[in-house]
Each structure stands twice: as structure tokens, then as C-alpha cells.
Amino acid sequence: MQDLSLVTLAAGVGICQGLSEYTSRMIQLKWPNDLFIEGKKLGGILTEAGPMAGGMGPEYLVIGVGINVQTNLDLFPEPLRSRVFSLYHAQVARVELVPLLQKLVQAMLAAVTRFESDREGVLADWQTRDYLLGKYLEYESSEGVIRATGKGLAPDGRYIILDEHFVEHRVVAGDLHPIRFQSR
């Protein structure tokens, strides 16, 4: 039960591995569930658990993955175009949806299955794809906005940030926004 929140992280590792094989590009993970390529959002992962079955755990777990596959970026609203990415623009000759889906499902299932026996290894693989690591960012907490630097994943799946006063915070939920500095 305590590892349910980590399933999304394990699924992300598998999806990234499958996408990297398909595109020959590095796919990164932005905690907790976003897929990034070349500094732009490619997609996301959402995990939902079904009702509890007699205290043993959920009856089912659904892992949903949304990826911008064939979308021309001109179809996105102007403010989003510089922040999103589609496989359409990854110079993949033609995205074949069925083989892509098969590759992603196999890679995701392999990573989630591997997580059962090699938790540390899967989380270490997640760390190698950490989009926020070392980035200056903002976190909107109940106390207000915290400006911090991304420090990586904690063993329990929380994200570690170090604020401007060198105080460590372990983020359980919420969105971490990298700060993009504008040149004048």
C-alpha cells in the first residue's frame, strides 16, 4: 500500500525508456508525472487506484498516459507553443501508433514489474531522467511560494528541494515550476 504512489514513478521510467528507444532522444521526467523532451512537455502520466479490496489493497490500478504524438504545434495556443513538444516534430519519419503503443505498454509493464523486486534500481533510473535536478524553481506551498533548487527524489517518492535559506523540503504533492530567466 505504501508504494502505490511510487507506481507512477516506475511507470514513468518505463515510458521514458520506450520513448527513448522509439525516438533515439533522451526523455526526462518532471516530478511527479510529466514527460519532457528538449526542455518541453511531451505528455504526462496519471495513476488511479480502484476501491480497496478487504484491506489488501486496491482492486485495480489504472495507469493513463497522454503523449503529444501527431499534433502539429501550430494547433496549440500561441502561449503554449514554446513549452510543448510533439513526436510529430521529433523527426521520426512517421509515427506508427500501434507499434509505439506496444513498445510503451511493454516498457511500462517491465518497469512496474521490476519495481517489485528492484525498487532502488528503478528509482535510480528515475533519477537519471530528473528534469528538475539542479534547476531553480518555485513551489507553491500552504505557507506561500518557496523558491528553491531541485535536489532529487527521496526514497519514499517525495521530491527534495533546497530553499534559498538552505532548508530542505520534501514535497508530497503540488507542482514545481522551473523558473525561466528572461534576457533583457
N, C-alpha and C. Protein backbone atom coordinates (compact mmCIF):
# COMPACT_ATOMS: atom_id res chain seq x y z
N MET A 1 0.82 -1.19 0.00
CA MET A 1 0.00 0.00 0.00
C MET A 1 0.86 1.26 0.00
N GLN A 2 1.94 1.28 0.78
CA GLN A 2 2.77 2.47 0.88
C GLN A 2 3.50 2.77 -0.42
N ASP A 3 3.60 1.81 -1.30
CA ASP A 3 4.31 2.01 -2.57
C ASP A 3 3.40 2.41 -3.72
N LEU A 4 2.10 2.53 -3.49
CA LEU A 4 1.20 2.86 -4.59
C LEU A 4 1.58 4.16 -5.29
N SER A 5 1.98 5.17 -4.51
CA SER A 5 2.34 6.45 -5.13
C SER A 5 3.61 6.33 -5.98
N LEU A 6 4.41 5.32 -5.70
CA LEU A 6 5.65 5.13 -6.46
C LEU A 6 5.42 4.43 -7.79
N VAL A 7 4.24 3.84 -7.97
CA VAL A 7 3.94 3.16 -9.23
C VAL A 7 3.99 4.15 -10.39
N THR A 8 3.53 5.38 -10.17
CA THR A 8 3.59 6.39 -11.22
C THR A 8 5.04 6.66 -11.62
N LEU A 9 5.93 6.71 -10.64
CA LEU A 9 7.34 6.94 -10.92
C LEU A 9 7.93 5.78 -11.72
N ALA A 10 7.59 4.55 -11.33
CA ALA A 10 8.08 3.37 -12.06
C ALA A 10 7.52 3.35 -13.48
N ALA A 11 6.24 3.66 -13.63
CA ALA A 11 5.64 3.71 -14.97
C ALA A 11 6.35 4.75 -15.83
N GLY A 12 6.69 5.88 -15.22
CA GLY A 12 7.40 6.93 -15.94
C GLY A 12 8.74 6.46 -16.47
N VAL A 13 9.45 5.67 -15.67
CA VAL A 13 10.74 5.13 -16.12
C VAL A 13 10.53 4.27 -17.36
N GLY A 14 9.54 3.40 -17.32
CA GLY A 14 9.28 2.53 -18.48
C GLY A 14 8.87 3.32 -19.71
N ILE A 15 7.97 4.28 -19.54
CA ILE A 15 7.52 5.09 -20.67
C ILE A 15 8.70 5.84 -21.28
N CYS A 16 9.55 6.41 -20.43
CA CYS A 16 10.73 7.12 -20.95
C CYS A 16 11.67 6.20 -21.71
N GLN A 17 11.87 5.01 -21.17
CA GLN A 17 12.75 4.06 -21.86
C GLN A 17 12.18 3.70 -23.23
N GLY A 18 10.87 3.42 -23.27
CA GLY A 18 10.23 3.08 -24.54
C GLY A 18 10.28 4.24 -25.53
N LEU A 19 9.98 5.44 -25.07
CA LEU A 19 10.02 6.61 -25.96
C LEU A 19 11.44 6.91 -26.44
N SER A 20 12.42 6.74 -25.55
CA SER A 20 13.81 6.99 -25.94
C SER A 20 14.25 6.01 -27.02
N GLU A 21 13.83 4.75 -26.89
CA GLU A 21 14.15 3.76 -27.92
C GLU A 21 13.48 4.13 -29.24
N TYR A 22 12.25 4.59 -29.17
CA TYR A 22 11.49 4.91 -30.37
C TYR A 22 12.01 6.16 -31.07
N THR A 23 12.41 7.17 -30.29
CA THR A 23 12.82 8.45 -30.88
C THR A 23 14.33 8.64 -30.96
N SER A 24 15.10 7.81 -30.28
CA SER A 24 16.55 7.97 -30.14
C SER A 24 16.90 9.29 -29.46
N ARG A 25 16.03 9.77 -28.59
CA ARG A 25 16.26 11.01 -27.84
C ARG A 25 16.05 10.75 -26.35
N MET A 26 16.69 11.57 -25.56
CA MET A 26 16.55 11.47 -24.10
C MET A 26 15.20 12.05 -23.68
N ILE A 27 14.41 11.26 -22.99
CA ILE A 27 13.14 11.70 -22.43
C ILE A 27 13.36 11.85 -20.93
N GLN A 28 12.91 12.96 -20.36
CA GLN A 28 13.10 13.22 -18.94
C GLN A 28 11.76 13.20 -18.21
N LEU A 29 11.85 13.11 -16.89
CA LEU A 29 10.68 13.10 -16.02
C LEU A 29 10.69 14.32 -15.12
N LYS A 30 9.58 15.03 -15.10
CA LYS A 30 9.41 16.15 -14.18
C LYS A 30 8.47 15.66 -13.09
N TRP A 31 8.95 15.65 -11.87
CA TRP A 31 8.20 15.10 -10.75
C TRP A 31 6.84 15.76 -10.66
N PRO A 32 5.79 15.01 -10.40
CA PRO A 32 5.78 13.56 -10.23
C PRO A 32 5.41 12.78 -11.50
N ASN A 33 4.85 13.48 -12.52
CA ASN A 33 4.25 12.68 -13.60
C ASN A 33 4.32 13.27 -15.00
N ASP A 34 5.22 14.20 -15.26
CA ASP A 34 5.30 14.79 -16.59
C ASP A 34 6.48 14.24 -17.38
N LEU A 35 6.28 14.13 -18.69
CA LEU A 35 7.30 13.67 -19.63
C LEU A 35 7.84 14.88 -20.38
N PHE A 36 9.15 15.02 -20.42
CA PHE A 36 9.77 16.16 -21.09
C PHE A 36 10.80 15.71 -22.11
N ILE A 37 10.91 16.47 -23.19
CA ILE A 37 11.93 16.24 -24.21
C ILE A 37 12.45 17.61 -24.62
N GLU A 38 13.76 17.76 -24.62
CA GLU A 38 14.40 19.02 -25.02
C GLU A 38 13.82 20.22 -24.27
N GLY A 39 13.52 20.04 -22.98
CA GLY A 39 13.01 21.12 -22.15
C GLY A 39 11.55 21.48 -22.36
N LYS A 40 10.83 20.63 -23.10
CA LYS A 40 9.42 20.92 -23.39
C LYS A 40 8.57 19.72 -22.98
N LYS A 41 7.32 20.01 -22.60
CA LYS A 41 6.43 18.94 -22.15
C LYS A 41 5.93 18.13 -23.33
N LEU A 42 6.12 16.82 -23.23
CA LEU A 42 5.68 15.87 -24.24
C LEU A 42 4.40 15.17 -23.82
N GLY A 43 4.19 15.02 -22.52
CA GLY A 43 3.00 14.30 -22.05
C GLY A 43 3.00 14.16 -20.55
N GLY A 44 2.13 13.27 -20.08
CA GLY A 44 2.01 13.06 -18.65
C GLY A 44 1.43 11.71 -18.31
N ILE A 45 1.51 11.35 -17.05
CA ILE A 45 1.05 10.06 -16.55
C ILE A 45 0.11 10.31 -15.38
N LEU A 46 -0.98 9.57 -15.34
CA LEU A 46 -1.92 9.66 -14.23
C LEU A 46 -2.25 8.25 -13.77
N THR A 47 -2.09 8.01 -12.48
CA THR A 47 -2.37 6.70 -11.91
C THR A 47 -3.56 6.82 -10.96
N GLU A 48 -4.53 5.94 -11.14
CA GLU A 48 -5.73 5.92 -10.29
C GLU A 48 -5.90 4.52 -9.72
N ALA A 49 -6.17 4.45 -8.43
CA ALA A 49 -6.41 3.16 -7.78
C ALA A 49 -7.91 2.95 -7.58
N GLY A 50 -8.34 1.72 -7.74
CA GLY A 50 -9.74 1.36 -7.53
C GLY A 50 -10.04 1.21 -6.05
N PRO A 51 -11.24 0.81 -5.72
CA PRO A 51 -11.61 0.66 -4.30
C PRO A 51 -10.77 -0.42 -3.62
N MET A 52 -10.62 -0.27 -2.32
CA MET A 52 -9.83 -1.22 -1.54
C MET A 52 -10.57 -2.54 -1.41
N ALA A 53 -9.82 -3.62 -1.55
CA ALA A 53 -10.39 -4.97 -1.51
C ALA A 53 -10.09 -5.60 -0.16
N GLY A 54 -10.96 -5.40 0.79
CA GLY A 54 -10.81 -6.04 2.10
C GLY A 54 -9.53 -5.73 2.82
N GLY A 55 -9.02 -4.51 2.68
CA GLY A 55 -7.80 -4.12 3.37
C GLY A 55 -6.53 -4.65 2.74
N MET A 56 -6.64 -5.37 1.64
CA MET A 56 -5.48 -5.96 1.00
C MET A 56 -4.84 -5.03 -0.03
N GLY A 57 -5.52 -4.01 -0.43
CA GLY A 57 -5.03 -3.12 -1.46
C GLY A 57 -6.14 -2.84 -2.45
N PRO A 58 -5.85 -2.04 -3.44
CA PRO A 58 -6.89 -1.69 -4.40
C PRO A 58 -7.25 -2.88 -5.28
N GLU A 59 -8.51 -2.92 -5.71
CA GLU A 59 -8.96 -3.97 -6.62
C GLU A 59 -8.26 -3.87 -7.96
N TYR A 60 -7.94 -2.65 -8.37
CA TYR A 60 -7.26 -2.45 -9.65
C TYR A 60 -6.48 -1.14 -9.61
N LEU A 61 -5.60 -1.00 -10.56
CA LEU A 61 -4.80 0.19 -10.72
C LEU A 61 -4.80 0.54 -12.21
N VAL A 62 -5.13 1.76 -12.54
CA VAL A 62 -5.14 2.21 -13.93
C VAL A 62 -4.03 3.23 -14.11
N ILE A 63 -3.20 3.00 -15.10
CA ILE A 63 -2.13 3.94 -15.42
C ILE A 63 -2.47 4.54 -16.78
N GLY A 64 -2.77 5.82 -16.78
CA GLY A 64 -3.09 6.52 -18.02
C GLY A 64 -1.90 7.35 -18.45
N VAL A 65 -1.63 7.32 -19.75
CA VAL A 65 -0.51 8.07 -20.30
C VAL A 65 -1.02 8.89 -21.47
N GLY A 66 -0.75 10.18 -21.43
CA GLY A 66 -1.09 11.06 -22.54
C GLY A 66 0.19 11.59 -23.16
N ILE A 67 0.33 11.42 -24.47
CA ILE A 67 1.54 11.87 -25.17
C ILE A 67 1.11 12.63 -26.42
N ASN A 68 1.74 13.77 -26.65
CA ASN A 68 1.51 14.50 -27.89
C ASN A 68 2.25 13.73 -28.99
N VAL A 69 1.49 13.06 -29.83
CA VAL A 69 2.10 12.19 -30.84
C VAL A 69 2.09 12.83 -32.22
N GLN A 70 0.94 13.12 -32.75
CA GLN A 70 0.85 13.60 -34.14
C GLN A 70 0.37 15.04 -34.21
N THR A 71 0.43 15.77 -33.11
CA THR A 71 -0.10 17.12 -33.08
C THR A 71 0.91 18.12 -33.63
N ASN A 72 0.49 18.87 -34.63
CA ASN A 72 1.31 19.95 -35.13
C ASN A 72 1.27 21.06 -34.08
N LEU A 73 2.42 21.59 -33.72
CA LEU A 73 2.48 22.59 -32.66
C LEU A 73 1.70 23.85 -33.01
N ASP A 74 1.48 24.11 -34.28
CA ASP A 74 0.69 25.28 -34.68
C ASP A 74 -0.75 25.18 -34.19
N LEU A 75 -1.20 23.97 -33.83
CA LEU A 75 -2.55 23.80 -33.34
C LEU A 75 -2.69 24.14 -31.84
N PHE A 76 -1.57 24.28 -31.15
CA PHE A 76 -1.60 24.68 -29.75
C PHE A 76 -1.79 26.18 -29.67
N PRO A 77 -2.40 26.68 -28.59
CA PRO A 77 -2.49 28.13 -28.40
C PRO A 77 -1.08 28.74 -28.39
N GLU A 78 -0.94 29.92 -28.92
CA GLU A 78 0.35 30.59 -29.05
C GLU A 78 1.20 30.57 -27.77
N PRO A 79 0.61 30.87 -26.59
CA PRO A 79 1.46 30.88 -25.38
C PRO A 79 2.06 29.52 -25.02
N LEU A 80 1.47 28.42 -25.50
CA LEU A 80 1.98 27.08 -25.17
C LEU A 80 3.02 26.56 -26.15
N ARG A 81 3.06 27.11 -27.34
CA ARG A 81 3.91 26.54 -28.42
C ARG A 81 5.37 26.41 -28.04
N SER A 82 5.88 27.32 -27.24
CA SER A 82 7.30 27.26 -26.88
C SER A 82 7.55 26.31 -25.71
N ARG A 83 6.47 25.77 -25.12
CA ARG A 83 6.62 24.93 -23.93
C ARG A 83 6.20 23.48 -24.13
N VAL A 84 5.65 23.14 -25.30
CA VAL A 84 5.19 21.78 -25.55
C VAL A 84 5.94 21.17 -26.73
N PHE A 85 5.87 19.85 -26.81
CA PHE A 85 6.57 19.12 -27.86
C PHE A 85 5.66 17.99 -28.33
N SER A 86 5.77 17.65 -29.59
CA SER A 86 5.02 16.53 -30.16
C SER A 86 5.98 15.63 -30.92
N LEU A 87 5.75 14.33 -30.87
CA LEU A 87 6.59 13.41 -31.63
C LEU A 87 6.56 13.74 -33.12
N TYR A 88 5.52 14.41 -33.55
CA TYR A 88 5.40 14.89 -34.92
C TYR A 88 6.63 15.70 -35.32
N HIS A 89 7.23 16.39 -34.35
CA HIS A 89 8.40 17.24 -34.60
C HIS A 89 9.71 16.60 -34.17
N ALA A 90 9.68 15.33 -33.82
CA ALA A 90 10.90 14.66 -33.34
C ALA A 90 11.68 14.04 -34.48
N GLN A 91 11.32 14.38 -35.69
CA GLN A 91 11.96 13.84 -36.90
C GLN A 91 11.89 12.32 -36.95
N VAL A 92 10.82 11.79 -36.35
CA VAL A 92 10.51 10.38 -36.52
C VAL A 92 9.77 10.34 -37.86
N ALA A 93 10.26 9.55 -38.80
CA ALA A 93 9.72 9.58 -40.17
C ALA A 93 8.19 9.61 -40.17
N ARG A 94 7.60 8.65 -39.57
CA ARG A 94 6.14 8.59 -39.45
C ARG A 94 5.85 7.82 -38.19
N VAL A 95 5.05 8.39 -37.32
CA VAL A 95 4.74 7.72 -36.06
C VAL A 95 3.70 6.65 -36.33
N GLU A 96 4.09 5.41 -36.15
CA GLU A 96 3.18 4.28 -36.29
C GLU A 96 2.58 4.01 -34.91
N LEU A 97 1.31 4.30 -34.75
CA LEU A 97 0.68 4.28 -33.44
C LEU A 97 0.66 2.91 -32.77
N VAL A 98 0.32 1.85 -33.50
CA VAL A 98 0.23 0.53 -32.87
C VAL A 98 1.59 0.04 -32.38
N PRO A 99 2.66 0.10 -33.20
CA PRO A 99 3.97 -0.31 -32.67
C PRO A 99 4.44 0.57 -31.51
N LEU A 100 4.15 1.87 -31.58
CA LEU A 100 4.53 2.76 -30.48
C LEU A 100 3.79 2.35 -29.20
N LEU A 101 2.50 2.13 -29.30
CA LEU A 101 1.71 1.72 -28.14
C LEU A 101 2.22 0.40 -27.57
N GLN A 102 2.50 -0.58 -28.43
CA GLN A 102 3.01 -1.87 -27.97
C GLN A 102 4.34 -1.69 -27.23
N LYS A 103 5.23 -0.87 -27.78
CA LYS A 103 6.53 -0.64 -27.15
C LYS A 103 6.36 0.02 -25.78
N LEU A 104 5.47 1.00 -25.71
CA LEU A 104 5.29 1.73 -24.45
C LEU A 104 4.64 0.86 -23.38
N VAL A 105 3.65 0.06 -23.76
CA VAL A 105 2.99 -0.83 -22.79
C VAL A 105 4.00 -1.86 -22.27
N GLN A 106 4.78 -2.47 -23.17
CA GLN A 106 5.77 -3.46 -22.74
C GLN A 106 6.81 -2.84 -21.81
N ALA A 107 7.30 -1.65 -22.16
CA ALA A 107 8.33 -0.99 -21.36
C ALA A 107 7.77 -0.58 -19.99
N MET A 108 6.54 -0.07 -19.98
CA MET A 108 5.93 0.34 -18.72
C MET A 108 5.69 -0.86 -17.81
N LEU A 109 5.13 -1.93 -18.36
CA LEU A 109 4.88 -3.13 -17.55
C LEU A 109 6.18 -3.72 -17.02
N ALA A 110 7.22 -3.70 -17.84
CA ALA A 110 8.52 -4.22 -17.40
C ALA A 110 9.07 -3.40 -16.24
N ALA A 111 8.96 -2.07 -16.31
CA ALA A 111 9.47 -1.22 -15.24
C ALA A 111 8.66 -1.40 -13.96
N VAL A 112 7.33 -1.47 -14.08
CA VAL A 112 6.49 -1.63 -12.89
C VAL A 112 6.73 -3.01 -12.27
N THR A 113 6.88 -4.03 -13.08
CA THR A 113 7.17 -5.38 -12.57
C THR A 113 8.55 -5.41 -11.91
N ARG A 114 9.51 -4.77 -12.55
CA ARG A 114 10.87 -4.71 -11.99
C ARG A 114 10.86 -3.99 -10.64
N PHE A 115 10.00 -2.99 -10.49
CA PHE A 115 9.91 -2.22 -9.25
C PHE A 115 9.64 -3.13 -8.06
N GLU A 116 8.86 -4.19 -8.26
CA GLU A 116 8.53 -5.12 -7.17
C GLU A 116 9.78 -5.76 -6.57
N SER A 117 10.78 -6.03 -7.40
CA SER A 117 11.99 -6.71 -6.91
C SER A 117 13.22 -5.81 -6.84
N ASP A 118 13.18 -4.66 -7.52
CA ASP A 118 14.35 -3.79 -7.58
C ASP A 118 13.94 -2.33 -7.45
N ARG A 119 13.31 -2.03 -6.34
CA ARG A 119 12.82 -0.67 -6.07
C ARG A 119 13.92 0.37 -6.22
N GLU A 120 15.06 0.14 -5.58
CA GLU A 120 16.16 1.10 -5.62
C GLU A 120 16.68 1.31 -7.04
N GLY A 121 16.74 0.23 -7.82
CA GLY A 121 17.22 0.34 -9.20
C GLY A 121 16.30 1.17 -10.07
N VAL A 122 14.99 0.96 -9.91
CA VAL A 122 14.02 1.72 -10.70
C VAL A 122 14.06 3.19 -10.30
N LEU A 123 14.13 3.47 -9.00
CA LEU A 123 14.20 4.86 -8.55
C LEU A 123 15.51 5.52 -8.99
N ALA A 124 16.60 4.75 -9.05
CA ALA A 124 17.87 5.27 -9.56
C ALA A 124 17.74 5.61 -11.04
N ASP A 125 17.03 4.77 -11.79
CA ASP A 125 16.79 5.06 -13.21
C ASP A 125 15.96 6.34 -13.35
N TRP A 126 14.98 6.52 -12.44
CA TRP A 126 14.18 7.75 -12.47
C TRP A 126 15.10 8.96 -12.27
N GLN A 127 16.02 8.85 -11.33
CA GLN A 127 16.94 9.96 -11.03
C GLN A 127 17.76 10.37 -12.25
N THR A 128 18.14 9.41 -13.09
CA THR A 128 18.95 9.75 -14.27
C THR A 128 18.16 10.56 -15.29
N ARG A 129 16.84 10.61 -15.15
CA ARG A 129 15.97 11.33 -16.08
C ARG A 129 15.30 12.54 -15.41
N ASP A 130 15.80 12.95 -14.26
CA ASP A 130 15.19 14.01 -13.46
C ASP A 130 15.34 15.37 -14.15
N TYR A 131 14.25 15.88 -14.66
CA TYR A 131 14.23 17.17 -15.35
C TYR A 131 14.50 18.34 -14.41
N LEU A 132 14.12 18.24 -13.15
CA LEU A 132 14.22 19.35 -12.20
C LEU A 132 15.56 19.41 -11.46
N LEU A 133 16.34 18.36 -11.54
CA LEU A 133 17.58 18.29 -10.78
C LEU A 133 18.49 19.48 -11.09
N GLY A 134 18.83 20.23 -10.04
CA GLY A 134 19.73 21.36 -10.18
C GLY A 134 19.09 22.64 -10.70
N LYS A 135 17.81 22.57 -11.06
CA LYS A 135 17.13 23.75 -11.60
C LYS A 135 16.58 24.62 -10.47
N TYR A 136 16.60 25.91 -10.71
CA TYR A 136 15.98 26.86 -9.80
C TYR A 136 14.49 26.82 -10.08
N LEU A 137 13.67 26.73 -9.02
CA LEU A 137 12.23 26.55 -9.23
C LEU A 137 11.42 27.21 -8.14
N GLU A 138 10.12 27.21 -8.37
CA GLU A 138 9.18 27.70 -7.37
C GLU A 138 8.22 26.57 -7.02
N TYR A 139 7.90 26.52 -5.73
CA TYR A 139 6.93 25.55 -5.24
C TYR A 139 5.88 26.33 -4.46
N GLU A 140 4.63 26.13 -4.86
CA GLU A 140 3.52 26.80 -4.17
C GLU A 140 3.06 25.91 -3.03
N SER A 141 3.43 26.30 -1.81
CA SER A 141 3.08 25.52 -0.62
C SER A 141 1.97 26.22 0.14
N SER A 142 1.50 25.59 1.19
CA SER A 142 0.46 26.20 2.03
C SER A 142 0.98 27.46 2.72
N GLU A 143 2.31 27.57 2.89
CA GLU A 143 2.91 28.76 3.50
C GLU A 143 3.20 29.85 2.49
N GLY A 144 2.97 29.58 1.22
CA GLY A 144 3.28 30.55 0.16
C GLY A 144 4.26 29.96 -0.83
N VAL A 145 4.79 30.80 -1.68
CA VAL A 145 5.71 30.35 -2.72
C VAL A 145 7.11 30.20 -2.13
N ILE A 146 7.70 29.05 -2.38
CA ILE A 146 9.06 28.77 -1.94
C ILE A 146 9.94 28.72 -3.18
N ARG A 147 10.98 29.52 -3.20
CA ARG A 147 11.98 29.46 -4.27
C ARG A 147 13.08 28.52 -3.81
N ALA A 148 13.43 27.60 -4.67
CA ALA A 148 14.34 26.54 -4.25
C ALA A 148 15.08 25.97 -5.45
N THR A 149 15.93 25.01 -5.17
CA THR A 149 16.66 24.27 -6.20
C THR A 149 16.26 22.81 -6.09
N GLY A 150 16.02 22.16 -7.23
CA GLY A 150 15.68 20.75 -7.25
C GLY A 150 16.86 19.90 -6.85
N LYS A 151 16.66 19.01 -5.87
CA LYS A 151 17.74 18.17 -5.37
C LYS A 151 17.56 16.69 -5.67
N GLY A 152 16.38 16.29 -6.14
CA GLY A 152 16.21 14.90 -6.50
C GLY A 152 15.14 14.18 -5.71
N LEU A 153 15.00 12.95 -6.03
CA LEU A 153 13.96 12.10 -5.49
C LEU A 153 14.39 11.49 -4.16
N ALA A 154 13.49 11.52 -3.17
CA ALA A 154 13.72 10.84 -1.90
C ALA A 154 13.32 9.37 -2.07
N PRO A 155 13.83 8.46 -1.25
CA PRO A 155 13.49 7.04 -1.38
C PRO A 155 12.00 6.74 -1.27
N ASP A 156 11.24 7.62 -0.62
CA ASP A 156 9.81 7.39 -0.48
C ASP A 156 8.99 8.03 -1.61
N GLY A 157 9.67 8.62 -2.61
CA GLY A 157 8.99 9.19 -3.76
C GLY A 157 8.71 10.67 -3.66
N ARG A 158 8.93 11.26 -2.48
CA ARG A 158 8.76 12.71 -2.38
C ARG A 158 9.92 13.38 -3.11
N TYR A 159 9.72 14.65 -3.50
CA TYR A 159 10.77 15.37 -4.20
C TYR A 159 11.45 16.33 -3.24
N ILE A 160 12.78 16.32 -3.24
CA ILE A 160 13.56 17.13 -2.33
C ILE A 160 13.93 18.45 -3.02
N ILE A 161 13.64 19.55 -2.30
CA ILE A 161 14.08 20.86 -2.77
C ILE A 161 14.84 21.54 -1.65
N LEU A 162 15.76 22.41 -2.02
CA LEU A 162 16.55 23.16 -1.05
C LEU A 162 16.24 24.63 -1.26
N ASP A 163 15.62 25.28 -0.25
CA ASP A 163 15.19 26.66 -0.43
C ASP A 163 16.37 27.63 -0.35
N GLU A 164 16.06 28.91 -0.54
CA GLU A 164 17.09 29.95 -0.58
C GLU A 164 17.85 30.09 0.74
N HIS A 165 17.29 29.57 1.82
CA HIS A 165 17.93 29.62 3.14
C HIS A 165 18.59 28.28 3.48
N PHE A 166 18.74 27.43 2.47
CA PHE A 166 19.38 26.12 2.61
C PHE A 166 18.60 25.18 3.53
N VAL A 167 17.28 25.37 3.56
CA VAL A 167 16.40 24.47 4.31
C VAL A 167 15.84 23.45 3.31
N GLU A 168 15.94 22.18 3.67
CA GLU A 168 15.43 21.11 2.81
C GLU A 168 13.94 20.91 3.04
N HIS A 169 13.20 20.77 1.94
CA HIS A 169 11.77 20.47 1.99
C HIS A 169 11.56 19.19 1.17
N ARG A 170 10.65 18.35 1.65
CA ARG A 170 10.29 17.14 0.91
C ARG A 170 8.84 17.29 0.47
N VAL A 171 8.68 17.45 -0.82
CA VAL A 171 7.38 17.77 -1.40
C VAL A 171 6.57 16.49 -1.59
N VAL A 172 5.34 16.50 -1.07
CA VAL A 172 4.44 15.36 -1.17
C VAL A 172 3.50 15.52 -2.36
N ALA A 173 3.02 16.74 -2.57
CA ALA A 173 2.07 17.00 -3.65
C ALA A 173 2.25 18.43 -4.10
N GLY A 174 1.76 18.71 -5.28
CA GLY A 174 1.83 20.06 -5.80
C GLY A 174 2.68 20.12 -7.05
N ASP A 175 2.83 21.31 -7.55
CA ASP A 175 3.57 21.49 -8.79
C ASP A 175 4.83 22.29 -8.54
N LEU A 176 5.91 21.82 -9.11
CA LEU A 176 7.19 22.50 -9.04
C LEU A 176 7.42 23.16 -10.40
N HIS A 177 7.58 24.47 -10.40
CA HIS A 177 7.73 25.22 -11.65
C HIS A 177 9.16 25.71 -11.81
N PRO A 178 9.87 25.21 -12.82
CA PRO A 178 11.20 25.78 -13.07
C PRO A 178 11.06 27.26 -13.43
N ILE A 179 11.99 28.05 -12.95
CA ILE A 179 11.98 29.49 -13.25
C ILE A 179 12.84 29.70 -14.49
N ARG A 180 12.24 30.31 -15.47
CA ARG A 180 12.97 30.62 -16.70
C ARG A 180 13.38 32.09 -16.62
N PHE A 181 14.66 32.31 -16.67
CA PHE A 181 15.14 33.69 -16.62
C PHE A 181 15.06 34.30 -18.00
N GLN A 182 14.56 35.51 -18.05
CA GLN A 182 14.41 36.24 -19.31
C GLN A 182 15.64 37.11 -19.52
N SER A 183 16.16 37.11 -20.74
CA SER A 183 17.26 38.03 -21.04
C SER A 183 16.66 39.38 -21.43
N ARG A 184 17.34 40.44 -21.09
CA ARG A 184 16.81 41.79 -21.37
C ARG A 184 17.36 42.34 -22.63
